[in-house]
Amino acid sequence: MIRLPMLEEFPAHQYFDIVRNANTKITYSQVGEDVIIINILLYEIKKAYQGFFVDAGAYHPTHASNTRLLKMLKWTGIHIDANPDAIELFNAAYPEDVKVCCGVGTEAGELVYHQFDSAGTNTLSVETAEEWKRMGRQLVGTRVVPVKTINQILEESLPAGQSIDYMNIDLEGFDRQVLADLDLSRFRPSVISIELFGVDILALGTDPTVAYLCANGYKLAAVAQITYIFVDLSKTSR
């Protein structure tokens, strides 16, 4: 994937060829997940424009964002993050959206929030924090933050009668637990993306999260490295 700063090394004529080419794709995600998600929304859900999303572990309005392109397509949504600095960025970028500053867990209460030199790796998970430290990440601080369940957040913040067209779950260690806790009978996203580690790509059906969603009426539509994208079979036109 070529990022914009890399284009500075290109000859001028090649740079302009790229930016003017109708086939050039824009992505704000880590590895192009947003392009895949928009294709799924467009061709399978028939809802690429003016939809509603929930981003659990929103992190940043533009950097490594699965929702920035959706905002450009007139979507609105709920941004959830335990980092108040991140929420300030979202308040400035998207004043029309709902912002929730708290951690997301399987029980309401308080947890220690581990903050690293790269804010995208901040986590409530002790195990994940230890793994980041083993990998060379520098812990720069901790703080105690309020924690709510995903169902509690949606009960409090989802507008009445609003369906969820897309939900992103990127919670650095709590992803699987939070998805399993989501009440799909009340809050059923048409498309779900979630970060999953330790999945055997040759035996997807044995993964507990993949198996859980498939048993609950979803299909695995795409994989982008560690991001797994699921579609509600009752909403797909294919």
C-alpha atoms as a PDB file:
ATOM      1  CA  MET A   1       0.000   0.000   0.000  1.00  0.00           C
ATOM      2  CA  ILE A   2       1.409   3.392  -1.010  1.00  0.00           C
ATOM      3  CA  ARG A   3       0.826   6.165   1.521  1.00  0.00           C
ATOM      4  CA  LEU A   4       0.703   9.855   0.564  1.00  0.00           C
ATOM      5  CA  PRO A   5       4.153  10.775   2.009  1.00  0.00           C
ATOM      6  CA  MET A   6       5.670   8.111  -0.241  1.00  0.00           C
ATOM      7  CA  LEU A   7       4.370   9.995  -3.296  1.00  0.00           C
ATOM      8  CA  GLU A   8       6.869  12.751  -2.551  1.00  0.00           C
ATOM      9  CA  GLU A   9       9.557  10.393  -3.836  1.00  0.00           C
ATOM     10  CA  PHE A  10       7.779   9.881  -7.156  1.00  0.00           C
ATOM     11  CA  PRO A  11       8.584  11.943 -10.278  1.00  0.00           C
ATOM     12  CA  ALA A  12       6.115  14.810 -10.690  1.00  0.00           C
ATOM     13  CA  HIS A  13       4.481  13.347 -13.795  1.00  0.00           C
ATOM     14  CA  GLN A  14       3.921  10.018 -12.041  1.00  0.00           C
ATOM     15  CA  TYR A  15       2.477  11.764  -8.977  1.00  0.00           C
ATOM     16  CA  PHE A  16      -0.094  13.606 -11.100  1.00  0.00           C
ATOM     17  CA  ASP A  17      -0.899  10.435 -13.036  1.00  0.00           C
ATOM     18  CA  ILE A  18      -1.789   8.762  -9.736  1.00  0.00           C
ATOM     19  CA  VAL A  19      -3.889  11.535  -8.183  1.00  0.00           C
ATOM     20  CA  ARG A  20      -5.790  12.206 -11.423  1.00  0.00           C
ATOM     21  CA  ASN A  21      -6.466   8.571 -12.258  1.00  0.00           C
ATOM     22  CA  ALA A  22     -10.123   7.632 -11.804  1.00  0.00           C
ATOM     23  CA  ASN A  23      -9.028   4.140 -10.716  1.00  0.00           C
ATOM     24  CA  THR A  24      -6.949   5.404  -7.786  1.00  0.00           C
ATOM     25  CA  LYS A  25      -8.522   4.355  -4.486  1.00  0.00           C
ATOM     26  CA  ILE A  26      -8.440   6.348  -1.257  1.00  0.00           C
ATOM     27  CA  THR A  27      -8.218   4.515   2.058  1.00  0.00           C
ATOM     28  CA  TYR A  28      -7.849   5.733   5.631  1.00  0.00           C
ATOM     29  CA  SER A  29      -7.804   2.268   7.222  1.00  0.00           C
ATOM     30  CA  GLN A  30      -4.711   0.372   8.296  1.00  0.00           C
ATOM     31  CA  VAL A  31      -4.765  -2.093   5.402  1.00  0.00           C
ATOM     32  CA  GLY A  32      -7.643  -0.913   3.222  1.00  0.00           C
ATOM     33  CA  GLU A  33     -10.532  -2.322   5.230  1.00  0.00           C
ATOM     34  CA  ASP A  34     -12.681   0.745   4.563  1.00  0.00           C
ATOM     35  CA  VAL A  35     -12.626   0.124   0.810  1.00  0.00           C
ATOM     36  CA  ILE A  36     -13.751  -3.477   1.351  1.00  0.00           C
ATOM     37  CA  ILE A  37     -16.467  -2.387   3.788  1.00  0.00           C
ATOM     38  CA  ILE A  38     -17.844   0.229   1.385  1.00  0.00           C
ATOM     39  CA  ASN A  39     -17.921  -2.346  -1.426  1.00  0.00           C
ATOM     40  CA  ILE A  40     -19.888  -4.713   0.812  1.00  0.00           C
ATOM     41  CA  LEU A  41     -22.270  -1.937   1.862  1.00  0.00           C
ATOM     42  CA  LEU A  42     -22.746  -0.890  -1.752  1.00  0.00           C
ATOM     43  CA  TYR A  43     -23.170  -4.258  -3.444  1.00  0.00           C
ATOM     44  CA  GLU A  44     -24.548  -6.517  -0.709  1.00  0.00           C
ATOM     45  CA  ILE A  45     -26.406  -4.229   1.702  1.00  0.00           C
ATOM     46  CA  LYS A  46     -27.295  -1.509  -0.836  1.00  0.00           C
ATOM     47  CA  LYS A  47     -26.472   1.150   1.762  1.00  0.00           C
ATOM     48  CA  ALA A  48     -23.237   2.954   0.898  1.00  0.00           C
ATOM     49  CA  TYR A  49     -24.591   6.458   1.531  1.00  0.00           C
ATOM     50  CA  GLN A  50     -26.039   8.207   4.585  1.00  0.00           C
ATOM     51  CA  GLY A  51     -25.932   5.181   6.856  1.00  0.00           C
ATOM     52  CA  PHE A  52     -25.303   4.865  10.587  1.00  0.00           C
ATOM     53  CA  PHE A  53     -22.258   3.306  12.267  1.00  0.00           C
ATOM     54  CA  VAL A  54     -20.967   2.474  15.729  1.00  0.00           C
ATOM     55  CA  ASP A  55     -17.180   2.599  16.168  1.00  0.00           C
ATOM     56  CA  ALA A  56     -16.047   0.912  19.398  1.00  0.00           C
ATOM     57  CA  GLY A  57     -12.423   1.832  19.907  1.00  0.00           C
ATOM     58  CA  ALA A  58     -12.605   4.770  17.510  1.00  0.00           C
ATOM     59  CA  TYR A  59      -9.029   6.024  18.209  1.00  0.00           C
ATOM     60  CA  HIS A  60      -8.694   8.856  15.636  1.00  0.00           C
ATOM     61  CA  PRO A  61     -10.902  10.661  13.076  1.00  0.00           C
ATOM     62  CA  THR A  62      -8.567   9.992  10.129  1.00  0.00           C
ATOM     63  CA  HIS A  63      -5.550   7.878  11.092  1.00  0.00           C
ATOM     64  CA  ALA A  64      -6.159   4.126  10.750  1.00  0.00           C
ATOM     65  CA  SER A  65      -9.888   4.888  10.596  1.00  0.00           C
ATOM     66  CA  ASN A  66     -12.491   2.490   9.215  1.00  0.00           C
ATOM     67  CA  THR A  67     -15.156   5.207   9.285  1.00  0.00           C
ATOM     68  CA  ARG A  68     -13.499   8.286   7.716  1.00  0.00           C
ATOM     69  CA  LEU A  69     -14.587   7.335   4.182  1.00  0.00           C
ATOM     70  CA  LEU A  70     -18.105   6.707   5.478  1.00  0.00           C
ATOM     71  CA  LYS A  71     -18.166  10.224   6.915  1.00  0.00           C
ATOM     72  CA  MET A  72     -17.268  11.500   3.444  1.00  0.00           C
ATOM     73  CA  LEU A  73     -20.328   9.596   2.198  1.00  0.00           C
ATOM     74  CA  LYS A  74     -22.591  11.505   4.630  1.00  0.00           C
ATOM     75  CA  TRP A  75     -22.780   8.829   7.344  1.00  0.00           C
ATOM     76  CA  THR A  76     -23.346   9.636  11.011  1.00  0.00           C
ATOM     77  CA  GLY A  77     -22.617   7.525  14.033  1.00  0.00           C
ATOM     78  CA  ILE A  78     -21.331   6.899  17.546  1.00  0.00           C
ATOM     79  CA  HIS A  79     -17.611   7.147  18.338  1.00  0.00           C
ATOM     80  CA  ILE A  80     -16.569   5.287  21.506  1.00  0.00           C
ATOM     81  CA  ASP A  81     -13.116   5.631  23.074  1.00  0.00           C
ATOM     82  CA  ALA A  82     -11.659   5.577  26.579  1.00  0.00           C
ATOM     83  CA  ASN A  83      -9.114   8.268  25.709  1.00  0.00           C
ATOM     84  CA  PRO A  84     -10.463  11.806  26.331  1.00  0.00           C
ATOM     85  CA  ASP A  85      -7.848  13.216  23.938  1.00  0.00           C
ATOM     86  CA  ALA A  86      -9.349  11.088  21.157  1.00  0.00           C
ATOM     87  CA  ILE A  87     -12.855  12.245  22.022  1.00  0.00           C
ATOM     88  CA  GLU A  88     -11.715  15.876  21.755  1.00  0.00           C
ATOM     89  CA  LEU A  89     -10.487  15.169  18.216  1.00  0.00           C
ATOM     90  CA  PHE A  90     -13.841  13.617  17.298  1.00  0.00           C
ATOM     91  CA  ASN A  91     -15.734  16.539  18.833  1.00  0.00           C
ATOM     92  CA  ALA A  92     -13.770  18.921  16.621  1.00  0.00           C
ATOM     93  CA  ALA A  93     -13.983  16.800  13.459  1.00  0.00           C
ATOM     94  CA  TYR A  94     -17.587  15.552  13.703  1.00  0.00           C
ATOM     95  CA  PRO A  95     -19.723  17.759  15.953  1.00  0.00           C
ATOM     96  CA  GLU A  96     -22.879  16.177  14.491  1.00  0.00           C
ATOM     97  CA  ASP A  97     -22.027  12.691  15.816  1.00  0.00           C
ATOM     98  CA  VAL A  98     -22.439  11.091  19.247  1.00  0.00           C
ATOM     99  CA  LYS A  99     -19.255  10.646  21.280  1.00  0.00           C
ATOM    100  CA  VAL A 100     -18.922   8.344  24.298  1.00  0.00           C
ATOM    101  CA  CYS A 101     -15.797   8.608  26.463  1.00  0.00           C
ATOM    102  CA  CYS A 102     -15.465   5.323  28.319  1.00  0.00           C
ATOM    103  CA  GLY A 103     -13.972   1.870  28.070  1.00  0.00           C
ATOM    104  CA  VAL A 104     -16.022  -1.016  26.710  1.00  0.00           C
ATOM    105  CA  GLY A 105     -16.113  -4.274  28.649  1.00  0.00           C
ATOM    106  CA  THR A 106     -18.412  -7.085  29.660  1.00  0.00           C
ATOM    107  CA  GLU A 107     -19.230  -5.487  33.021  1.00  0.00           C
ATOM    108  CA  ALA A 108     -19.860  -1.885  34.002  1.00  0.00           C
ATOM    109  CA  GLY A 109     -17.424  -0.381  36.480  1.00  0.00           C
ATOM    110  CA  GLU A 110     -13.842   0.851  36.278  1.00  0.00           C
ATOM    111  CA  LEU A 111     -10.624  -0.562  34.809  1.00  0.00           C
ATOM    112  CA  VAL A 112      -7.009   0.504  34.429  1.00  0.00           C
ATOM    113  CA  TYR A 113      -6.342   2.007  31.002  1.00  0.00           C
ATOM    114  CA  HIS A 114      -2.804   1.340  29.769  1.00  0.00           C
ATOM    115  CA  GLN A 115      -1.458   4.103  27.514  1.00  0.00           C
ATOM    116  CA  PHE A 116       1.456   3.461  25.155  1.00  0.00           C
ATOM    117  CA  ASP A 117       3.757   5.525  22.956  1.00  0.00           C
ATOM    118  CA  SER A 118       1.406   4.704  20.079  1.00  0.00           C
ATOM    119  CA  ALA A 119      -2.143   5.608  21.138  1.00  0.00           C
ATOM    120  CA  GLY A 120      -3.571   2.987  18.792  1.00  0.00           C
ATOM    121  CA  THR A 121      -2.278   0.300  21.128  1.00  0.00           C
ATOM    122  CA  ASN A 122      -3.847   1.701  24.319  1.00  0.00           C
ATOM    123  CA  THR A 123      -5.738  -1.056  26.093  1.00  0.00           C
ATOM    124  CA  LEU A 124      -7.816  -2.064  29.096  1.00  0.00           C
ATOM    125  CA  SER A 125      -6.516  -5.630  28.850  1.00  0.00           C
ATOM    126  CA  VAL A 126      -3.671  -6.503  31.224  1.00  0.00           C
ATOM    127  CA  GLU A 127      -2.665  -9.407  28.971  1.00  0.00           C
ATOM    128  CA  THR A 128      -2.564  -7.223  25.861  1.00  0.00           C
ATOM    129  CA  ALA A 129      -0.592  -4.532  27.714  1.00  0.00           C
ATOM    130  CA  GLU A 130       2.022  -7.114  28.715  1.00  0.00           C
ATOM    131  CA  GLU A 131       2.202  -8.361  25.120  1.00  0.00           C
ATOM    132  CA  TRP A 132       2.792  -4.836  23.807  1.00  0.00           C
ATOM    133  CA  LYS A 133       5.595  -4.363  26.317  1.00  0.00           C
ATOM    134  CA  ARG A 134       7.207  -7.639  25.246  1.00  0.00           C
ATOM    135  CA  MET A 135       7.052  -6.383  21.659  1.00  0.00           C
ATOM    136  CA  GLY A 136       8.924  -3.202  22.590  1.00  0.00           C
ATOM    137  CA  ARG A 137       6.089  -0.725  23.052  1.00  0.00           C
ATOM    138  CA  GLN A 138       6.719   1.879  25.748  1.00  0.00           C
ATOM    139  CA  LEU A 139       4.097   2.258  28.466  1.00  0.00           C
ATOM    140  CA  VAL A 140       3.751   6.012  29.061  1.00  0.00           C
ATOM    141  CA  GLY A 141       1.060   5.984  31.728  1.00  0.00           C
ATOM    142  CA  THR A 142      -2.022   4.432  33.259  1.00  0.00           C
ATOM    143  CA  ARG A 143      -5.319   5.831  34.439  1.00  0.00           C
ATOM    144  CA  VAL A 144      -8.542   4.446  35.852  1.00  0.00           C
ATOM    145  CA  VAL A 145     -11.437   4.940  33.428  1.00  0.00           C
ATOM    146  CA  PRO A 146     -15.173   4.227  33.579  1.00  0.00           C
ATOM    147  CA  VAL A 147     -16.279   1.107  31.715  1.00  0.00           C
ATOM    148  CA  LYS A 148     -19.691   0.309  30.251  1.00  0.00           C
ATOM    149  CA  THR A 149     -20.995  -2.697  28.351  1.00  0.00           C
ATOM    150  CA  ILE A 150     -21.703  -2.283  24.648  1.00  0.00           C
ATOM    151  CA  ASN A 151     -25.395  -2.908  25.298  1.00  0.00           C
ATOM    152  CA  GLN A 152     -25.472  -0.194  27.962  1.00  0.00           C
ATOM    153  CA  ILE A 153     -23.789   2.297  25.630  1.00  0.00           C
ATOM    154  CA  LEU A 154     -26.270   1.558  22.842  1.00  0.00           C
ATOM    155  CA  GLU A 155     -29.234   1.754  25.202  1.00  0.00           C
ATOM    156  CA  GLU A 156     -28.069   5.206  26.308  1.00  0.00           C
ATOM    157  CA  SER A 157     -26.703   6.633  23.048  1.00  0.00           C
ATOM    158  CA  LEU A 158     -28.341   4.984  20.026  1.00  0.00           C
ATOM    159  CA  PRO A 159     -31.118   7.265  18.723  1.00  0.00           C
ATOM    160  CA  ALA A 160     -34.595   5.785  19.112  1.00  0.00           C
ATOM    161  CA  GLY A 161     -35.541   3.599  16.164  1.00  0.00           C
ATOM    162  CA  GLN A 162     -32.062   3.850  14.621  1.00  0.00           C
ATOM    163  CA  SER A 163     -30.706   0.680  13.007  1.00  0.00           C
ATOM    164  CA  ILE A 164     -26.953   0.031  12.855  1.00  0.00           C
ATOM    165  CA  ASP A 165     -25.665  -0.370   9.325  1.00  0.00           C
ATOM    166  CA  TYR A 166     -22.039  -0.925  10.338  1.00  0.00           C
ATOM    167  CA  MET A 167     -20.216  -1.656  13.594  1.00  0.00           C
ATOM    168  CA  ASN A 168     -16.456  -1.647  14.044  1.00  0.00           C
ATOM    169  CA  ILE A 169     -14.930  -3.352  17.099  1.00  0.00           C
ATOM    170  CA  ASP A 170     -11.265  -2.582  17.747  1.00  0.00           C
ATOM    171  CA  LEU A 171     -10.686  -2.822  21.480  1.00  0.00           C
ATOM    172  CA  GLU A 172      -7.123  -4.149  21.751  1.00  0.00           C
ATOM    173  CA  GLY A 173      -7.782  -7.356  23.626  1.00  0.00           C
ATOM    174  CA  PHE A 174     -11.480  -7.093  24.558  1.00  0.00           C
ATOM    175  CA  ASP A 175     -12.826  -7.516  21.022  1.00  0.00           C
ATOM    176  CA  ARG A 176     -14.098 -11.097  21.244  1.00  0.00           C
ATOM    177  CA  GLN A 177     -15.680 -10.671  24.669  1.00  0.00           C
ATOM    178  CA  VAL A 178     -17.493  -7.463  23.731  1.00  0.00           C
ATOM    179  CA  LEU A 179     -18.847  -8.958  20.509  1.00  0.00           C
ATOM    180  CA  ALA A 180     -20.111 -12.013  22.389  1.00  0.00           C
ATOM    181  CA  ASP A 181     -21.806  -9.681  24.874  1.00  0.00           C
ATOM    182  CA  LEU A 182     -23.579  -7.664  22.152  1.00  0.00           C
ATOM    183  CA  ASP A 183     -27.320  -8.392  22.210  1.00  0.00           C
ATOM    184  CA  LEU A 184     -27.925  -9.250  18.552  1.00  0.00           C
ATOM    185  CA  SER A 185     -31.659  -9.538  19.139  1.00  0.00           C
ATOM    186  CA  ARG A 186     -31.802  -5.797  19.905  1.00  0.00           C
ATOM    187  CA  PHE A 187     -28.717  -4.342  18.228  1.00  0.00           C
ATOM    188  CA  ARG A 188     -27.981  -6.154  14.984  1.00  0.00           C
ATOM    189  CA  PRO A 189     -25.476  -4.447  12.679  1.00  0.00           C
ATOM    190  CA  SER A 190     -25.768  -5.217   8.976  1.00  0.00           C
ATOM    191  CA  VAL A 191     -21.965  -5.339   8.723  1.00  0.00           C
ATOM    192  CA  ILE A 192     -19.467  -6.021  11.519  1.00  0.00           C
ATOM    193  CA  SER A 193     -15.696  -5.653  11.398  1.00  0.00           C
ATOM    194  CA  ILE A 194     -13.584  -6.933  14.267  1.00  0.00           C
ATOM    195  CA  GLU A 195      -9.898  -7.448  14.985  1.00  0.00           C
ATOM    196  CA  LEU A 196      -9.148 -11.106  15.710  1.00  0.00           C
ATOM    197  CA  PHE A 197      -5.787 -12.585  16.601  1.00  0.00           C
ATOM    198  CA  GLY A 198      -4.771 -16.242  16.558  1.00  0.00           C
ATOM    199  CA  VAL A 199      -7.167 -17.327  13.803  1.00  0.00           C
ATOM    200  CA  ASP A 200      -6.175 -20.312  11.673  1.00  0.00           C
ATOM    201  CA  ILE A 201      -7.090 -19.082   8.200  1.00  0.00           C
ATOM    202  CA  LEU A 202      -7.257 -22.697   6.979  1.00  0.00           C
ATOM    203  CA  ALA A 203      -9.728 -23.680   9.717  1.00  0.00           C
ATOM    204  CA  LEU A 204     -11.938 -20.625  10.107  1.00  0.00           C
ATOM    205  CA  GLY A 205     -14.907 -22.622  11.314  1.00  0.00           C
ATOM    206  CA  THR A 206     -13.009 -23.682  14.426  1.00  0.00           C
ATOM    207  CA  ASP A 207     -12.495 -20.110  15.590  1.00  0.00           C
ATOM    208  CA  PRO A 208     -15.046 -19.383  18.352  1.00  0.00           C
ATOM    209  CA  THR A 209     -15.919 -15.851  17.179  1.00  0.00           C
ATOM    210  CA  VAL A 210     -16.293 -16.853  13.529  1.00  0.00           C
ATOM    211  CA  ALA A 211     -18.395 -19.853  14.554  1.00  0.00           C
ATOM    212  CA  TYR A 212     -20.519 -17.696  16.882  1.00  0.00           C
ATOM    213  CA  LEU A 213     -21.391 -15.142  14.225  1.00  0.00           C
ATOM    214  CA  CYS A 214     -22.061 -17.765  11.561  1.00  0.00           C
ATOM    215  CA  ALA A 215     -24.394 -19.560  13.982  1.00  0.00           C
ATOM    216  CA  ASN A 216     -26.220 -16.267  14.498  1.00  0.00           C
ATOM    217  CA  GLY A 217     -26.984 -15.563  10.854  1.00  0.00           C
ATOM    218  CA  TYR A 218     -23.832 -13.836   9.640  1.00  0.00           C
ATOM    219  CA  LYS A 219     -21.373 -14.854   6.957  1.00  0.00           C
ATOM    220  CA  LEU A 220     -17.661 -14.081   6.820  1.00  0.00           C
ATOM    221  CA  ALA A 221     -17.449 -11.785   3.792  1.00  0.00           C
ATOM    222  CA  ALA A 222     -13.794 -10.712   3.830  1.00  0.00           C
ATOM    223  CA  VAL A 223     -10.503 -10.810   5.732  1.00  0.00           C
ATOM    224  CA  ALA A 224      -7.941  -7.987   5.706  1.00  0.00           C
ATOM    225  CA  GLN A 225      -4.978  -9.279   7.710  1.00  0.00           C
ATOM    226  CA  ILE A 226      -6.325  -9.260  11.305  1.00  0.00           C
ATOM    227  CA  THR A 227      -9.650  -7.575  10.486  1.00  0.00           C
ATOM    228  CA  TYR A 228     -12.564  -9.937   9.841  1.00  0.00           C
ATOM    229  CA  ILE A 229     -15.659  -8.535   8.153  1.00  0.00           C
ATOM    230  CA  PHE A 230     -19.077 -10.162   8.555  1.00  0.00           C
ATOM    231  CA  VAL A 231     -22.421  -9.534   6.867  1.00  0.00           C
ATOM    232  CA  ASP A 232     -25.902 -10.230   8.217  1.00  0.00           C
ATOM    233  CA  LEU A 233     -27.367 -12.783   5.780  1.00  0.00           C
ATOM    234  CA  SER A 234     -30.871 -11.401   6.298  1.00  0.00           C
ATOM    235  CA  LYS A 235     -29.732  -7.996   4.989  1.00  0.00           C
ATOM    236  CA  THR A 236     -27.701  -9.081   1.968  1.00  0.00           C
ATOM    237  CA  SER A 237     -29.120  -8.823  -1.527  1.00  0.00           C
ATOM    238  CA  ARG A 238     -26.937 -11.666  -2.807  1.00  0.00           C
END
